[in-house]
Amino acid sequence: MTQQRNSRIDADATRRISLPCEGGCTCGSVRYRLLATPLIIHGCHCSLCQRQTGSAFAINALVEAENVEVLSGDIDMLKVMTPSGLGQTITRCTNCHVAVWSYYHKHELNERIRFLRVGTLDDPTAFPPDVHIYTSTKLPWLSLPKGVPAVARYYKVNETFSRDSLARRAKLLETG
């Protein structure tokens, strides 16, 4: 059963992330450094994320593009269509084709926010989802953890982001 809760997430109070931290693709060619805590982390259960990852859901950490430093490797950007019709650009390693982050063109901040694939971090254990989204298409055999907000589609940003994340987002909107 999907929980409908709109509670502000204070991720910084519960997450213990040692920054900077690094990640990369499978072959090791692409390496990046994360310089700031994510604004929020989604467990996305939409059918598109299921298909793109070949898994039950994708875990994306939303972070300002300026806070993801590319250390090495060549990346390729692949635009794919999404149900919104606006598309998504997936950034992949040119060698092993692992997706390291993406940009959603429907998102008002577009390329200024990277949807970083948490599984590409060297230590993804410090990055559990703050919220599960699109649970209306969640695979029925998957159980979600108690105490983590879950919504049928997408949440209301102003009701869900932490105060710090809202301030960081507002700063991006001002400079856009």
N, C-alpha and C. Protein backbone atom coordinates (compact mmCIF):
# COMPACT_ATOMS: atom_id res chain seq x y z
N MET A 1 0.84 -1.17 0.00
CA MET A 1 0.00 0.00 0.00
C MET A 1 0.89 1.24 0.00
N THR A 2 0.52 2.23 -0.79
CA THR A 2 1.29 3.45 -0.91
C THR A 2 0.88 4.45 0.15
N GLN A 3 1.87 4.98 0.83
CA GLN A 3 1.62 6.01 1.83
C GLN A 3 1.58 7.36 1.14
N GLN A 4 0.60 8.18 1.46
CA GLN A 4 0.53 9.54 0.97
C GLN A 4 0.90 10.45 2.11
N ARG A 5 2.13 10.90 2.13
CA ARG A 5 2.56 11.80 3.19
C ARG A 5 3.34 12.93 2.58
N ASN A 6 3.05 14.12 3.00
CA ASN A 6 3.82 15.28 2.60
C ASN A 6 4.47 15.84 3.83
N SER A 7 5.59 15.29 4.20
CA SER A 7 6.31 15.79 5.36
C SER A 7 7.67 16.27 4.90
N ARG A 8 8.08 17.40 5.44
CA ARG A 8 9.38 17.97 5.08
C ARG A 8 10.47 17.00 5.52
N ILE A 9 11.41 16.77 4.63
CA ILE A 9 12.48 15.82 4.89
C ILE A 9 13.70 16.57 5.37
N ASP A 10 14.17 16.24 6.55
CA ASP A 10 15.39 16.85 7.08
C ASP A 10 16.51 15.83 6.94
N ALA A 11 16.94 15.64 5.70
CA ALA A 11 17.93 14.62 5.41
C ALA A 11 19.27 14.90 6.08
N ASP A 12 19.64 16.17 6.17
CA ASP A 12 20.93 16.50 6.75
C ASP A 12 21.03 16.05 8.20
N ALA A 13 19.90 15.99 8.90
CA ALA A 13 19.90 15.59 10.30
C ALA A 13 20.12 14.09 10.47
N THR A 14 19.77 13.31 9.46
CA THR A 14 19.86 11.86 9.59
C THR A 14 20.99 11.23 8.77
N ARG A 15 21.46 11.92 7.75
CA ARG A 15 22.46 11.36 6.85
C ARG A 15 23.86 11.73 7.32
N ARG A 16 24.73 10.78 7.34
CA ARG A 16 26.12 11.01 7.73
C ARG A 16 27.01 10.76 6.52
N ILE A 17 27.24 11.81 5.76
CA ILE A 17 28.04 11.70 4.55
C ILE A 17 29.36 12.43 4.76
N SER A 18 30.43 11.75 4.46
CA SER A 18 31.75 12.36 4.53
C SER A 18 32.07 12.92 3.15
N LEU A 19 32.15 14.24 3.06
CA LEU A 19 32.40 14.89 1.78
C LEU A 19 33.83 15.40 1.72
N PRO A 20 34.43 15.46 0.54
CA PRO A 20 33.84 14.99 -0.70
C PRO A 20 33.88 13.47 -0.77
N CYS A 21 33.02 12.92 -1.61
CA CYS A 21 33.05 11.48 -1.86
C CYS A 21 33.07 11.28 -3.38
N GLU A 22 33.48 10.10 -3.79
CA GLU A 22 33.68 9.86 -5.21
C GLU A 22 32.86 8.69 -5.71
N GLY A 23 32.77 8.63 -7.03
CA GLY A 23 32.08 7.55 -7.69
C GLY A 23 32.54 7.44 -9.13
N GLY A 24 31.94 6.51 -9.86
CA GLY A 24 32.32 6.35 -11.26
C GLY A 24 31.58 5.21 -11.92
N CYS A 25 31.96 4.97 -13.14
CA CYS A 25 31.32 3.93 -13.94
C CYS A 25 31.94 2.56 -13.63
N THR A 26 31.46 1.53 -14.30
CA THR A 26 31.92 0.17 -14.06
C THR A 26 33.37 -0.05 -14.50
N CYS A 27 33.74 0.49 -15.65
CA CYS A 27 35.10 0.24 -16.16
C CYS A 27 36.15 1.13 -15.50
N GLY A 28 35.71 2.14 -14.75
CA GLY A 28 36.64 3.02 -14.05
C GLY A 28 37.12 4.21 -14.86
N SER A 29 36.70 4.31 -16.10
CA SER A 29 37.13 5.43 -16.94
C SER A 29 36.56 6.76 -16.43
N VAL A 30 35.25 6.79 -16.18
CA VAL A 30 34.62 8.01 -15.67
C VAL A 30 34.69 8.00 -14.15
N ARG A 31 35.26 9.05 -13.61
CA ARG A 31 35.32 9.25 -12.16
C ARG A 31 34.80 10.65 -11.87
N TYR A 32 34.05 10.77 -10.79
CA TYR A 32 33.53 12.08 -10.39
C TYR A 32 33.64 12.23 -8.88
N ARG A 33 33.53 13.48 -8.44
CA ARG A 33 33.58 13.79 -7.01
C ARG A 33 32.33 14.58 -6.66
N LEU A 34 31.65 14.14 -5.61
CA LEU A 34 30.47 14.83 -5.09
C LEU A 34 30.95 15.79 -4.00
N LEU A 35 30.62 17.08 -4.16
CA LEU A 35 31.14 18.12 -3.27
C LEU A 35 30.13 18.61 -2.24
N ALA A 36 28.87 18.21 -2.37
CA ALA A 36 27.82 18.67 -1.44
C ALA A 36 26.81 17.56 -1.21
N THR A 37 26.11 17.65 -0.10
CA THR A 37 25.05 16.67 0.15
C THR A 37 23.94 16.86 -0.87
N PRO A 38 23.26 15.81 -1.24
CA PRO A 38 22.15 15.94 -2.19
C PRO A 38 21.01 16.80 -1.62
N LEU A 39 20.28 17.43 -2.52
CA LEU A 39 19.08 18.16 -2.12
C LEU A 39 18.05 17.19 -1.57
N ILE A 40 17.93 16.06 -2.23
CA ILE A 40 17.01 15.00 -1.86
C ILE A 40 17.42 13.75 -2.63
N ILE A 41 17.03 12.59 -2.13
CA ILE A 41 17.31 11.33 -2.83
C ILE A 41 15.99 10.61 -3.07
N HIS A 42 15.76 10.28 -4.34
CA HIS A 42 14.53 9.60 -4.75
C HIS A 42 14.78 8.11 -4.96
N GLY A 43 13.85 7.31 -4.54
CA GLY A 43 13.74 5.95 -5.03
C GLY A 43 12.61 6.01 -6.05
N CYS A 44 12.93 6.01 -7.34
CA CYS A 44 11.91 6.19 -8.38
C CYS A 44 11.46 4.85 -8.93
N HIS A 45 10.16 4.61 -8.83
CA HIS A 45 9.57 3.34 -9.23
C HIS A 45 8.79 3.45 -10.54
N CYS A 46 9.02 4.51 -11.32
CA CYS A 46 8.30 4.64 -12.59
C CYS A 46 8.76 3.53 -13.54
N SER A 47 7.90 3.19 -14.48
CA SER A 47 8.22 2.10 -15.40
C SER A 47 9.42 2.44 -16.28
N LEU A 48 9.65 3.72 -16.57
CA LEU A 48 10.80 4.11 -17.37
C LEU A 48 12.11 3.84 -16.62
N CYS A 49 12.17 4.20 -15.34
CA CYS A 49 13.37 3.92 -14.54
C CYS A 49 13.59 2.41 -14.40
N GLN A 50 12.51 1.66 -14.26
CA GLN A 50 12.64 0.21 -14.18
C GLN A 50 13.27 -0.34 -15.46
N ARG A 51 12.81 0.15 -16.60
CA ARG A 51 13.33 -0.35 -17.87
C ARG A 51 14.78 0.10 -18.08
N GLN A 52 15.08 1.38 -17.79
CA GLN A 52 16.43 1.90 -18.02
C GLN A 52 17.48 1.24 -17.13
N THR A 53 17.10 0.89 -15.91
CA THR A 53 18.06 0.29 -15.00
C THR A 53 18.04 -1.24 -15.03
N GLY A 54 16.99 -1.81 -15.59
CA GLY A 54 16.86 -3.26 -15.56
C GLY A 54 16.62 -3.76 -14.16
N SER A 55 16.03 -2.92 -13.33
CA SER A 55 15.83 -3.25 -11.92
C SER A 55 14.45 -2.78 -11.46
N ALA A 56 14.17 -2.96 -10.19
CA ALA A 56 12.87 -2.60 -9.63
C ALA A 56 12.67 -1.10 -9.51
N PHE A 57 13.76 -0.36 -9.33
CA PHE A 57 13.66 1.10 -9.24
C PHE A 57 15.05 1.71 -9.37
N ALA A 58 15.09 3.01 -9.59
CA ALA A 58 16.35 3.76 -9.65
C ALA A 58 16.47 4.61 -8.39
N ILE A 59 17.70 4.81 -7.93
CA ILE A 59 17.93 5.72 -6.81
C ILE A 59 18.75 6.88 -7.35
N ASN A 60 18.14 8.06 -7.31
CA ASN A 60 18.76 9.27 -7.83
C ASN A 60 18.96 10.29 -6.73
N ALA A 61 20.17 10.82 -6.62
CA ALA A 61 20.48 11.90 -5.70
C ALA A 61 20.47 13.20 -6.50
N LEU A 62 19.58 14.11 -6.15
CA LEU A 62 19.52 15.39 -6.85
C LEU A 62 20.55 16.33 -6.25
N VAL A 63 21.45 16.81 -7.10
CA VAL A 63 22.53 17.67 -6.64
C VAL A 63 22.82 18.72 -7.71
N GLU A 64 23.21 19.91 -7.27
CA GLU A 64 23.57 20.96 -8.20
C GLU A 64 24.71 20.49 -9.09
N ALA A 65 24.63 20.78 -10.39
CA ALA A 65 25.67 20.37 -11.33
C ALA A 65 27.04 20.87 -10.90
N GLU A 66 27.09 22.07 -10.33
CA GLU A 66 28.37 22.64 -9.90
C GLU A 66 29.00 21.86 -8.74
N ASN A 67 28.21 21.02 -8.09
CA ASN A 67 28.72 20.22 -6.98
C ASN A 67 29.07 18.79 -7.37
N VAL A 68 29.12 18.53 -8.67
CA VAL A 68 29.59 17.24 -9.19
C VAL A 68 30.77 17.55 -10.11
N GLU A 69 31.95 17.20 -9.66
CA GLU A 69 33.18 17.50 -10.40
C GLU A 69 33.62 16.24 -11.16
N VAL A 70 33.73 16.36 -12.48
CA VAL A 70 34.22 15.24 -13.29
C VAL A 70 35.74 15.20 -13.16
N LEU A 71 36.24 14.07 -12.72
CA LEU A 71 37.69 13.90 -12.50
C LEU A 71 38.39 13.30 -13.71
N SER A 72 37.72 12.38 -14.39
CA SER A 72 38.34 11.73 -15.55
C SER A 72 37.28 11.06 -16.41
N GLY A 73 37.70 10.73 -17.62
CA GLY A 73 36.86 9.95 -18.52
C GLY A 73 36.07 10.79 -19.49
N ASP A 74 35.62 10.12 -20.53
CA ASP A 74 34.79 10.75 -21.55
C ASP A 74 33.35 10.31 -21.35
N ILE A 75 32.45 11.28 -21.47
CA ILE A 75 31.03 10.98 -21.31
C ILE A 75 30.28 11.25 -22.60
N ASP A 76 29.20 10.54 -22.76
CA ASP A 76 28.32 10.67 -23.90
C ASP A 76 26.94 11.01 -23.36
N MET A 77 26.24 11.87 -24.06
CA MET A 77 24.91 12.26 -23.60
C MET A 77 23.88 11.71 -24.59
N LEU A 78 22.94 10.94 -24.06
CA LEU A 78 21.92 10.29 -24.86
C LEU A 78 20.56 10.82 -24.46
N LYS A 79 19.85 11.44 -25.40
CA LYS A 79 18.51 11.94 -25.10
C LYS A 79 17.49 10.85 -25.40
N VAL A 80 16.64 10.58 -24.43
CA VAL A 80 15.56 9.60 -24.59
C VAL A 80 14.24 10.28 -24.25
N MET A 81 13.18 9.77 -24.81
CA MET A 81 11.86 10.34 -24.54
C MET A 81 11.34 9.84 -23.20
N THR A 82 10.49 10.65 -22.61
CA THR A 82 9.84 10.33 -21.34
C THR A 82 8.34 10.51 -21.51
N PRO A 83 7.55 9.99 -20.59
CA PRO A 83 6.10 10.14 -20.71
C PRO A 83 5.64 11.60 -20.82
N SER A 84 6.42 12.55 -20.30
CA SER A 84 6.04 13.97 -20.40
C SER A 84 6.18 14.48 -21.82
N GLY A 85 6.96 13.78 -22.66
CA GLY A 85 7.21 14.23 -24.01
C GLY A 85 8.38 15.18 -24.12
N LEU A 86 8.95 15.60 -22.99
CA LEU A 86 10.05 16.57 -22.99
C LEU A 86 11.42 15.91 -23.00
N GLY A 87 11.49 14.68 -22.59
CA GLY A 87 12.74 13.94 -22.66
C GLY A 87 13.64 14.05 -21.45
N GLN A 88 14.65 13.23 -21.49
CA GLN A 88 15.66 13.12 -20.45
C GLN A 88 16.99 12.90 -21.16
N THR A 89 18.05 13.53 -20.67
CA THR A 89 19.38 13.30 -21.21
C THR A 89 20.16 12.48 -20.19
N ILE A 90 20.60 11.30 -20.62
CA ILE A 90 21.35 10.40 -19.76
C ILE A 90 22.83 10.55 -20.08
N THR A 91 23.63 10.79 -19.05
CA THR A 91 25.07 10.94 -19.21
C THR A 91 25.72 9.60 -18.89
N ARG A 92 26.47 9.07 -19.86
CA ARG A 92 27.04 7.73 -19.75
C ARG A 92 28.54 7.74 -20.07
N CYS A 93 29.21 6.74 -19.56
CA CYS A 93 30.61 6.50 -19.93
C CYS A 93 30.64 6.05 -21.39
N THR A 94 31.59 6.58 -22.17
CA THR A 94 31.68 6.19 -23.58
C THR A 94 32.22 4.77 -23.75
N ASN A 95 32.88 4.22 -22.72
CA ASN A 95 33.43 2.87 -22.82
C ASN A 95 32.44 1.79 -22.40
N CYS A 96 31.95 1.88 -21.16
CA CYS A 96 31.09 0.81 -20.63
C CYS A 96 29.60 1.18 -20.69
N HIS A 97 29.29 2.41 -21.03
CA HIS A 97 27.91 2.90 -21.21
C HIS A 97 27.07 2.92 -19.94
N VAL A 98 27.71 2.88 -18.78
CA VAL A 98 26.98 2.99 -17.52
C VAL A 98 26.50 4.42 -17.35
N ALA A 99 25.24 4.58 -16.99
CA ALA A 99 24.67 5.91 -16.72
C ALA A 99 25.16 6.39 -15.36
N VAL A 100 25.75 7.59 -15.32
CA VAL A 100 26.22 8.14 -14.05
C VAL A 100 25.30 9.24 -13.53
N TRP A 101 24.64 9.97 -14.41
CA TRP A 101 23.61 10.94 -14.00
C TRP A 101 22.76 11.28 -15.20
N SER A 102 21.69 12.00 -14.94
CA SER A 102 20.82 12.44 -16.03
C SER A 102 20.25 13.82 -15.71
N TYR A 103 19.66 14.40 -16.74
CA TYR A 103 18.93 15.67 -16.63
C TYR A 103 17.53 15.41 -17.15
N TYR A 104 16.54 15.89 -16.43
CA TYR A 104 15.17 15.77 -16.88
C TYR A 104 14.72 17.11 -17.44
N HIS A 105 14.33 17.13 -18.70
CA HIS A 105 13.96 18.39 -19.36
C HIS A 105 12.65 18.95 -18.85
N LYS A 106 11.85 18.13 -18.22
CA LYS A 106 10.61 18.62 -17.60
C LYS A 106 10.94 19.40 -16.33
N HIS A 107 12.05 19.08 -15.72
CA HIS A 107 12.46 19.71 -14.47
C HIS A 107 12.82 21.17 -14.73
N GLU A 108 12.30 22.07 -13.93
CA GLU A 108 12.50 23.51 -14.16
C GLU A 108 13.96 23.95 -14.09
N LEU A 109 14.79 23.17 -13.47
CA LEU A 109 16.21 23.53 -13.36
C LEU A 109 17.06 22.84 -14.42
N ASN A 110 16.48 21.95 -15.19
CA ASN A 110 17.11 21.27 -16.31
C ASN A 110 18.55 20.86 -16.00
N GLU A 111 19.53 21.36 -16.72
CA GLU A 111 20.91 20.90 -16.58
C GLU A 111 21.62 21.43 -15.34
N ARG A 112 20.97 22.28 -14.57
CA ARG A 112 21.60 22.79 -13.34
C ARG A 112 21.46 21.81 -12.18
N ILE A 113 20.59 20.79 -12.36
CA ILE A 113 20.42 19.74 -11.35
C ILE A 113 20.77 18.41 -12.00
N ARG A 114 21.69 17.69 -11.38
CA ARG A 114 22.02 16.35 -11.86
C ARG A 114 21.28 15.33 -11.00
N PHE A 115 20.68 14.38 -11.67
CA PHE A 115 20.05 13.24 -11.01
C PHE A 115 21.12 12.14 -11.00
N LEU A 116 21.96 12.19 -9.99
CA LEU A 116 23.12 11.31 -9.87
C LEU A 116 22.67 9.90 -9.49
N ARG A 117 23.13 8.90 -10.24
CA ARG A 117 22.79 7.52 -9.94
C ARG A 117 23.57 7.07 -8.71
N VAL A 118 22.87 6.87 -7.62
CA VAL A 118 23.49 6.54 -6.33
C VAL A 118 24.34 5.27 -6.43
N GLY A 119 23.93 4.32 -7.23
CA GLY A 119 24.68 3.07 -7.37
C GLY A 119 26.06 3.25 -7.97
N THR A 120 26.35 4.42 -8.55
CA THR A 120 27.68 4.66 -9.11
C THR A 120 28.64 5.26 -8.09
N LEU A 121 28.16 5.59 -6.90
CA LEU A 121 29.04 6.08 -5.84
C LEU A 121 29.89 4.93 -5.31
N ASP A 122 31.11 5.24 -4.90
CA ASP A 122 31.98 4.20 -4.34
C ASP A 122 31.37 3.59 -3.08
N ASP A 123 30.67 4.41 -2.29
CA ASP A 123 29.98 3.91 -1.09
C ASP A 123 28.55 4.42 -1.09
N PRO A 124 27.65 3.72 -1.76
CA PRO A 124 26.26 4.17 -1.83
C PRO A 124 25.47 3.96 -0.54
N THR A 125 26.06 3.29 0.45
CA THR A 125 25.31 2.96 1.67
C THR A 125 24.88 4.18 2.46
N ALA A 126 25.54 5.32 2.29
CA ALA A 126 25.20 6.54 3.02
C ALA A 126 24.12 7.35 2.31
N PHE A 127 23.54 6.81 1.24
CA PHE A 127 22.60 7.55 0.42
C PHE A 127 21.26 6.82 0.22
N PRO A 128 20.57 6.47 1.29
CA PRO A 128 19.27 5.81 1.12
C PRO A 128 18.23 6.82 0.62
N PRO A 129 17.17 6.36 -0.02
CA PRO A 129 16.14 7.28 -0.48
C PRO A 129 15.47 8.04 0.67
N ASP A 130 15.25 9.33 0.44
CA ASP A 130 14.48 10.16 1.37
C ASP A 130 12.99 10.01 1.12
N VAL A 131 12.65 9.66 -0.12
CA VAL A 131 11.26 9.53 -0.54
C VAL A 131 11.20 8.54 -1.70
N HIS A 132 10.13 7.77 -1.74
CA HIS A 132 9.88 6.87 -2.87
C HIS A 132 8.79 7.50 -3.72
N ILE A 133 9.08 7.63 -5.03
CA ILE A 133 8.15 8.29 -5.93
C ILE A 133 7.65 7.31 -7.00
N TYR A 134 6.53 7.67 -7.60
CA TYR A 134 5.87 6.85 -8.62
C TYR A 134 5.61 5.43 -8.13
N THR A 135 5.17 5.35 -6.89
CA THR A 135 4.89 4.02 -6.32
C THR A 135 3.63 3.40 -6.91
N SER A 136 2.87 4.18 -7.68
CA SER A 136 1.69 3.61 -8.35
C SER A 136 2.11 2.55 -9.37
N THR A 137 3.37 2.60 -9.83
CA THR A 137 3.88 1.59 -10.76
C THR A 137 4.98 0.73 -10.13
N LYS A 138 5.08 0.80 -8.81
CA LYS A 138 6.04 -0.03 -8.07
C LYS A 138 5.72 -1.50 -8.31
N LEU A 139 6.73 -2.32 -8.43
CA LEU A 139 6.50 -3.75 -8.58
C LEU A 139 5.83 -4.28 -7.31
N PRO A 140 4.79 -5.09 -7.47
CA PRO A 140 3.97 -5.47 -6.31
C PRO A 140 4.68 -6.32 -5.27
N TRP A 141 5.75 -6.98 -5.64
CA TRP A 141 6.45 -7.84 -4.68
C TRP A 141 7.50 -7.09 -3.87
N LEU A 142 7.69 -5.80 -4.16
CA LEU A 142 8.69 -5.00 -3.46
C LEU A 142 8.05 -4.30 -2.26
N SER A 143 8.63 -4.49 -1.09
CA SER A 143 8.16 -3.81 0.12
C SER A 143 9.02 -2.58 0.38
N LEU A 144 8.37 -1.48 0.70
CA LEU A 144 9.08 -0.24 1.01
C LEU A 144 9.33 -0.15 2.51
N PRO A 145 10.42 0.49 2.90
CA PRO A 145 10.72 0.62 4.34
C PRO A 145 9.72 1.53 5.04
N LYS A 146 9.37 1.16 6.25
CA LYS A 146 8.48 1.99 7.06
C LYS A 146 9.21 3.27 7.45
N GLY A 147 8.47 4.34 7.53
CA GLY A 147 9.03 5.61 7.96
C GLY A 147 9.63 6.46 6.85
N VAL A 148 9.67 5.94 5.63
CA VAL A 148 10.16 6.72 4.49
C VAL A 148 8.94 7.13 3.67
N PRO A 149 8.77 8.43 3.42
CA PRO A 149 7.61 8.87 2.64
C PRO A 149 7.54 8.19 1.28
N ALA A 150 6.34 7.88 0.86
CA ALA A 150 6.10 7.25 -0.44
C ALA A 150 4.87 7.91 -1.06
N VAL A 151 4.99 8.27 -2.34
CA VAL A 151 3.89 8.94 -3.03
C VAL A 151 3.60 8.23 -4.35
N ALA A 152 2.35 8.27 -4.75
CA ALA A 152 1.92 7.58 -5.96
C ALA A 152 2.60 8.13 -7.21
N ARG A 153 2.81 9.44 -7.24
CA ARG A 153 3.47 10.06 -8.40
C ARG A 153 4.67 10.87 -7.91
N TYR A 154 4.60 12.17 -8.02
CA TYR A 154 5.69 13.04 -7.58
C TYR A 154 5.20 13.85 -6.38
N TYR A 155 6.10 14.33 -5.58
CA TYR A 155 5.76 15.08 -4.38
C TYR A 155 5.72 16.59 -4.67
N LYS A 156 5.23 17.34 -3.71
CA LYS A 156 5.27 18.79 -3.79
C LYS A 156 6.58 19.25 -3.17
N VAL A 157 7.42 19.87 -3.98
CA VAL A 157 8.77 20.26 -3.56
C VAL A 157 8.73 21.11 -2.29
N ASN A 158 7.88 22.11 -2.26
CA ASN A 158 7.84 23.03 -1.12
C ASN A 158 7.41 22.37 0.18
N GLU A 159 6.75 21.23 0.09
CA GLU A 159 6.30 20.51 1.28
C GLU A 159 7.24 19.37 1.66
N THR A 160 8.18 19.03 0.78
CA THR A 160 8.99 17.84 0.99
C THR A 160 10.47 18.14 1.19
N PHE A 161 11.02 19.07 0.43
CA PHE A 161 12.44 19.41 0.59
C PHE A 161 12.71 19.96 1.98
N SER A 162 13.90 19.73 2.49
CA SER A 162 14.31 20.35 3.76
C SER A 162 14.44 21.86 3.53
N ARG A 163 14.49 22.61 4.59
CA ARG A 163 14.64 24.07 4.47
C ARG A 163 15.94 24.43 3.75
N ASP A 164 17.02 23.72 4.09
CA ASP A 164 18.31 23.96 3.44
C ASP A 164 18.22 23.66 1.94
N SER A 165 17.59 22.55 1.58
CA SER A 165 17.45 22.20 0.17
C SER A 165 16.59 23.20 -0.57
N LEU A 166 15.54 23.70 0.07
CA LEU A 166 14.70 24.74 -0.55
C LEU A 166 15.52 26.00 -0.81
N ALA A 167 16.37 26.38 0.13
CA ALA A 167 17.20 27.57 -0.04
C ALA A 167 18.20 27.38 -1.19
N ARG A 168 18.80 26.21 -1.27
CA ARG A 168 19.74 25.93 -2.36
C ARG A 168 19.02 25.93 -3.70
N ARG A 169 17.82 25.37 -3.74
CA ARG A 169 17.02 25.36 -4.97
C ARG A 169 16.64 26.77 -5.38
N ALA A 170 16.23 27.60 -4.41
CA ALA A 170 15.86 28.99 -4.70
C ALA A 170 17.05 29.75 -5.29
N LYS A 171 18.24 29.49 -4.78
CA LYS A 171 19.44 30.14 -5.30
C LYS A 171 19.66 29.76 -6.76
N LEU A 172 19.45 28.49 -7.09
CA LEU A 172 19.59 28.05 -8.48
C LEU A 172 18.55 28.72 -9.38
N LEU A 173 17.33 28.84 -8.89
CA LEU A 173 16.27 29.47 -9.68
C LEU A 173 16.59 30.95 -9.93
N GLU A 174 17.18 31.62 -8.95
CA GLU A 174 17.55 33.03 -9.09
C GLU A 174 18.63 33.24 -10.14
N THR A 175 19.57 32.31 -10.22
CA THR A 175 20.69 32.46 -11.14
C THR A 175 20.39 31.93 -12.53
N GLY A 176 19.22 31.35 -12.71
CA GLY A 176 18.86 30.73 -13.98
C GLY A 176 18.43 31.69 -14.99
